[in-house]
N, C-alpha and C. Protein backbone atom coordinates (compact mmCIF):
# COMPACT_ATOMS: atom_id res chain seq x y z
N MET A 1 13.35 -27.75 40.84
CA MET A 1 13.68 -26.43 41.37
C MET A 1 14.73 -25.79 40.45
N PRO A 2 14.47 -24.59 40.00
CA PRO A 2 15.42 -23.93 39.08
C PRO A 2 16.75 -23.61 39.77
N ILE A 3 17.77 -23.62 38.98
CA ILE A 3 19.12 -23.36 39.49
C ILE A 3 19.22 -21.93 40.04
N ARG A 4 18.45 -21.02 39.44
CA ARG A 4 18.46 -19.63 39.91
C ARG A 4 17.98 -19.54 41.36
N SER A 5 16.96 -20.28 41.69
CA SER A 5 16.45 -20.28 43.07
C SER A 5 17.47 -20.84 44.05
N ILE A 6 18.20 -21.85 43.61
CA ILE A 6 19.24 -22.44 44.46
C ILE A 6 20.32 -21.41 44.73
N PHE A 7 20.77 -20.74 43.67
CA PHE A 7 21.83 -19.73 43.85
C PHE A 7 21.35 -18.58 44.74
N LEU A 8 20.11 -18.15 44.56
CA LEU A 8 19.59 -17.06 45.39
C LEU A 8 19.44 -17.50 46.85
N GLY A 9 19.04 -18.73 47.06
CA GLY A 9 18.95 -19.26 48.43
C GLY A 9 20.31 -19.32 49.10
N LEU A 10 21.31 -19.79 48.36
CA LEU A 10 22.67 -19.84 48.91
C LEU A 10 23.20 -18.43 49.15
N GLY A 11 22.88 -17.52 48.25
CA GLY A 11 23.30 -16.13 48.43
C GLY A 11 22.67 -15.52 49.67
N GLY A 12 21.41 -15.80 49.90
CA GLY A 12 20.73 -15.30 51.11
C GLY A 12 21.33 -15.89 52.38
N ALA A 13 21.65 -17.17 52.33
CA ALA A 13 22.24 -17.82 53.51
C ALA A 13 23.61 -17.23 53.83
N THR A 14 24.42 -17.02 52.80
CA THR A 14 25.75 -16.45 53.06
C THR A 14 25.65 -14.99 53.49
N ALA A 15 24.63 -14.28 53.02
CA ALA A 15 24.43 -12.90 53.47
C ALA A 15 24.09 -12.88 54.96
N LEU A 16 23.29 -13.83 55.41
CA LEU A 16 22.97 -13.92 56.83
C LEU A 16 24.22 -14.25 57.67
N VAL A 17 25.07 -15.11 57.14
CA VAL A 17 26.34 -15.43 57.84
C VAL A 17 27.19 -14.17 57.94
N HIS A 18 27.22 -13.40 56.87
CA HIS A 18 28.00 -12.16 56.88
C HIS A 18 27.47 -11.19 57.94
N VAL A 19 26.18 -11.00 57.99
CA VAL A 19 25.59 -10.07 58.96
C VAL A 19 25.85 -10.56 60.38
N ALA A 20 25.69 -11.85 60.61
CA ALA A 20 25.93 -12.40 61.96
C ALA A 20 27.39 -12.24 62.38
N SER A 21 28.32 -12.50 61.47
CA SER A 21 29.74 -12.36 61.82
C SER A 21 30.10 -10.89 62.04
N TYR A 22 29.47 -9.99 61.30
CA TYR A 22 29.75 -8.56 61.49
C TYR A 22 29.23 -8.08 62.84
N ILE A 23 28.06 -8.57 63.25
CA ILE A 23 27.54 -8.22 64.57
C ILE A 23 28.46 -8.76 65.66
N MET A 24 28.98 -9.97 65.48
CA MET A 24 29.91 -10.53 66.46
C MET A 24 31.23 -9.75 66.50
N ILE A 25 31.68 -9.25 65.34
CA ILE A 25 32.88 -8.41 65.30
C ILE A 25 32.64 -7.13 66.09
N MET A 26 31.47 -6.53 65.91
CA MET A 26 31.17 -5.31 66.65
C MET A 26 31.11 -5.58 68.15
N ALA A 27 30.57 -6.73 68.55
CA ALA A 27 30.52 -7.09 69.97
C ALA A 27 31.93 -7.31 70.52
N ALA A 28 32.79 -7.93 69.72
CA ALA A 28 34.18 -8.14 70.15
C ALA A 28 34.91 -6.81 70.31
N LEU A 29 34.64 -5.87 69.43
CA LEU A 29 35.26 -4.55 69.55
C LEU A 29 34.75 -3.83 70.80
N ASP A 30 33.46 -3.97 71.10
CA ASP A 30 32.91 -3.36 72.31
C ASP A 30 33.58 -3.93 73.56
N ARG A 31 33.81 -5.25 73.58
CA ARG A 31 34.48 -5.86 74.73
C ARG A 31 35.92 -5.36 74.89
N ARG A 32 36.54 -4.97 73.79
CA ARG A 32 37.92 -4.48 73.83
C ARG A 32 37.99 -2.97 74.09
N GLY A 33 36.85 -2.35 74.29
CA GLY A 33 36.83 -0.93 74.61
C GLY A 33 36.70 -0.01 73.41
N TYR A 34 36.51 -0.55 72.22
CA TYR A 34 36.34 0.25 71.01
C TYR A 34 34.85 0.52 70.85
N LYS A 35 34.45 1.76 70.85
CA LYS A 35 33.04 2.12 70.75
C LYS A 35 32.53 1.86 69.33
N THR A 36 31.40 1.16 69.24
CA THR A 36 30.76 0.93 67.95
C THR A 36 29.33 1.44 68.03
N ASN A 37 28.77 1.74 66.88
CA ASN A 37 27.40 2.24 66.79
C ASN A 37 26.64 1.36 65.80
N ILE A 38 25.63 0.65 66.28
CA ILE A 38 24.88 -0.27 65.42
C ILE A 38 24.14 0.47 64.32
N PHE A 39 23.74 1.72 64.57
CA PHE A 39 23.00 2.46 63.56
C PHE A 39 23.89 2.95 62.42
N LEU A 40 25.17 3.12 62.69
CA LEU A 40 26.11 3.57 61.66
C LEU A 40 26.99 2.43 61.15
N ALA A 41 26.59 1.19 61.40
CA ALA A 41 27.41 0.03 61.06
C ALA A 41 27.67 -0.07 59.55
N ARG A 42 26.68 0.26 58.74
CA ARG A 42 26.88 0.17 57.29
C ARG A 42 27.90 1.19 56.79
N ILE A 43 27.88 2.36 57.39
CA ILE A 43 28.82 3.40 56.97
C ILE A 43 30.25 3.06 57.40
N PHE A 44 30.40 2.53 58.61
CA PHE A 44 31.72 2.26 59.17
C PHE A 44 32.15 0.81 59.03
N PHE A 45 31.65 0.11 58.03
CA PHE A 45 31.98 -1.31 57.85
C PHE A 45 33.50 -1.51 57.77
N GLY A 46 34.16 -0.78 56.89
CA GLY A 46 35.60 -0.93 56.72
C GLY A 46 36.38 -0.55 57.96
N ARG A 47 35.94 0.49 58.63
CA ARG A 47 36.62 0.95 59.84
C ARG A 47 36.55 -0.10 60.95
N TYR A 48 35.37 -0.67 61.16
CA TYR A 48 35.21 -1.67 62.21
C TYR A 48 35.95 -2.96 61.87
N LEU A 49 35.92 -3.35 60.62
CA LEU A 49 36.62 -4.56 60.20
C LEU A 49 38.13 -4.40 60.38
N LYS A 50 38.64 -3.24 60.00
CA LYS A 50 40.07 -2.96 60.15
C LYS A 50 40.46 -2.90 61.63
N ALA A 51 39.63 -2.29 62.45
CA ALA A 51 39.92 -2.21 63.88
C ALA A 51 39.94 -3.59 64.52
N TYR A 52 39.01 -4.47 64.11
CA TYR A 52 38.99 -5.84 64.63
C TYR A 52 40.25 -6.59 64.21
N LYS A 53 40.63 -6.44 62.95
CA LYS A 53 41.83 -7.13 62.46
C LYS A 53 43.06 -6.66 63.22
N GLU A 54 43.20 -5.35 63.40
CA GLU A 54 44.36 -4.81 64.11
C GLU A 54 44.37 -5.23 65.58
N ALA A 55 43.20 -5.24 66.23
CA ALA A 55 43.13 -5.61 67.64
C ALA A 55 43.51 -7.07 67.84
N THR A 56 43.00 -7.95 66.98
CA THR A 56 43.32 -9.37 67.13
C THR A 56 44.75 -9.67 66.72
N GLU A 57 45.28 -8.93 65.74
CA GLU A 57 46.69 -9.12 65.38
C GLU A 57 47.61 -8.69 66.51
N LYS A 58 47.23 -7.64 67.21
CA LYS A 58 48.04 -7.18 68.34
C LYS A 58 48.03 -8.22 69.47
N GLU A 59 46.89 -8.87 69.67
CA GLU A 59 46.76 -9.84 70.75
C GLU A 59 47.39 -11.19 70.42
N THR A 60 47.13 -11.69 69.21
CA THR A 60 47.54 -13.06 68.88
C THR A 60 48.58 -13.15 67.77
N GLY A 61 48.80 -12.07 67.04
CA GLY A 61 49.76 -12.11 65.95
C GLY A 61 49.14 -12.44 64.59
N LYS A 62 47.85 -12.75 64.57
CA LYS A 62 47.16 -13.01 63.31
C LYS A 62 45.72 -12.53 63.43
N PRO A 63 45.06 -12.29 62.29
CA PRO A 63 43.67 -11.81 62.35
C PRO A 63 42.76 -12.83 63.02
N GLY A 64 41.74 -12.34 63.69
CA GLY A 64 40.79 -13.21 64.36
C GLY A 64 39.96 -14.03 63.38
N PRO A 65 39.32 -15.09 63.86
CA PRO A 65 38.56 -15.97 62.96
C PRO A 65 37.35 -15.28 62.33
N LEU A 66 36.76 -14.33 63.01
CA LEU A 66 35.59 -13.65 62.46
C LEU A 66 35.94 -12.80 61.24
N TYR A 67 37.17 -12.35 61.17
CA TYR A 67 37.61 -11.54 60.03
C TYR A 67 37.49 -12.36 58.73
N GLY A 68 38.04 -13.55 58.74
CA GLY A 68 37.98 -14.41 57.55
C GLY A 68 36.57 -14.84 57.21
N ILE A 69 35.77 -15.12 58.23
CA ILE A 69 34.38 -15.52 58.00
C ILE A 69 33.60 -14.38 57.36
N CYS A 70 33.81 -13.17 57.86
CA CYS A 70 33.09 -12.01 57.35
C CYS A 70 33.46 -11.72 55.90
N ILE A 71 34.74 -11.72 55.61
CA ILE A 71 35.20 -11.46 54.24
C ILE A 71 34.76 -12.58 53.30
N GLY A 72 34.94 -13.83 53.73
CA GLY A 72 34.55 -14.96 52.90
C GLY A 72 33.06 -14.99 52.61
N ALA A 73 32.26 -14.66 53.61
CA ALA A 73 30.81 -14.69 53.42
C ALA A 73 30.35 -13.63 52.43
N ILE A 74 30.91 -12.44 52.50
CA ILE A 74 30.48 -11.40 51.57
C ILE A 74 30.94 -11.72 50.14
N MET A 75 32.10 -12.35 50.02
CA MET A 75 32.56 -12.74 48.68
C MET A 75 31.70 -13.86 48.10
N LEU A 76 31.34 -14.84 48.93
CA LEU A 76 30.47 -15.91 48.45
C LEU A 76 29.09 -15.38 48.09
N THR A 77 28.59 -14.43 48.86
CA THR A 77 27.30 -13.83 48.53
C THR A 77 27.35 -13.19 47.16
N LEU A 78 28.41 -12.46 46.89
CA LEU A 78 28.56 -11.83 45.59
C LEU A 78 28.61 -12.87 44.47
N VAL A 79 29.36 -13.94 44.67
CA VAL A 79 29.47 -14.98 43.65
C VAL A 79 28.11 -15.64 43.40
N PHE A 80 27.38 -15.98 44.46
CA PHE A 80 26.10 -16.64 44.29
C PHE A 80 25.07 -15.75 43.61
N VAL A 81 25.05 -14.49 43.97
CA VAL A 81 24.06 -13.59 43.35
C VAL A 81 24.40 -13.34 41.89
N VAL A 82 25.67 -13.18 41.57
CA VAL A 82 26.05 -13.02 40.16
C VAL A 82 25.72 -14.29 39.38
N ALA A 83 25.97 -15.45 39.98
CA ALA A 83 25.62 -16.71 39.30
C ALA A 83 24.11 -16.81 39.08
N ALA A 84 23.32 -16.35 40.04
CA ALA A 84 21.86 -16.38 39.89
C ALA A 84 21.42 -15.45 38.77
N VAL A 85 22.04 -14.30 38.67
CA VAL A 85 21.67 -13.36 37.61
C VAL A 85 22.04 -13.90 36.24
N LEU A 86 23.19 -14.56 36.15
CA LEU A 86 23.66 -15.08 34.86
C LEU A 86 23.07 -16.43 34.49
N SER A 87 22.42 -17.10 35.42
CA SER A 87 21.85 -18.43 35.12
C SER A 87 20.60 -18.27 34.25
N PRO A 88 20.33 -19.28 33.43
CA PRO A 88 19.15 -19.18 32.56
C PRO A 88 17.85 -19.31 33.34
N LYS A 89 16.81 -18.68 32.83
CA LYS A 89 15.50 -18.81 33.46
C LYS A 89 14.98 -20.23 33.25
N GLY A 90 14.19 -20.66 34.20
CA GLY A 90 13.55 -21.95 33.98
C GLY A 90 13.88 -22.97 34.92
């Protein structure tokens, strides 16, 4: 199995983790009374992420666990996809 396929598979898996954590962040914001819109989620990504971080910091004094998972997953996705693009064919 080529290394490129492995990197793309890992990139796809981390992208799914990112999407799942973002949906859970939006659900957590809804439970806290912050209105979210699933259809505008891509546009308001930064706004919703910042609102979740501020809400959890106000409650517990530190960002919630989903914040780190969401940021980490999108960064790993970027790393894996760049590695797949730069890896040799074959």
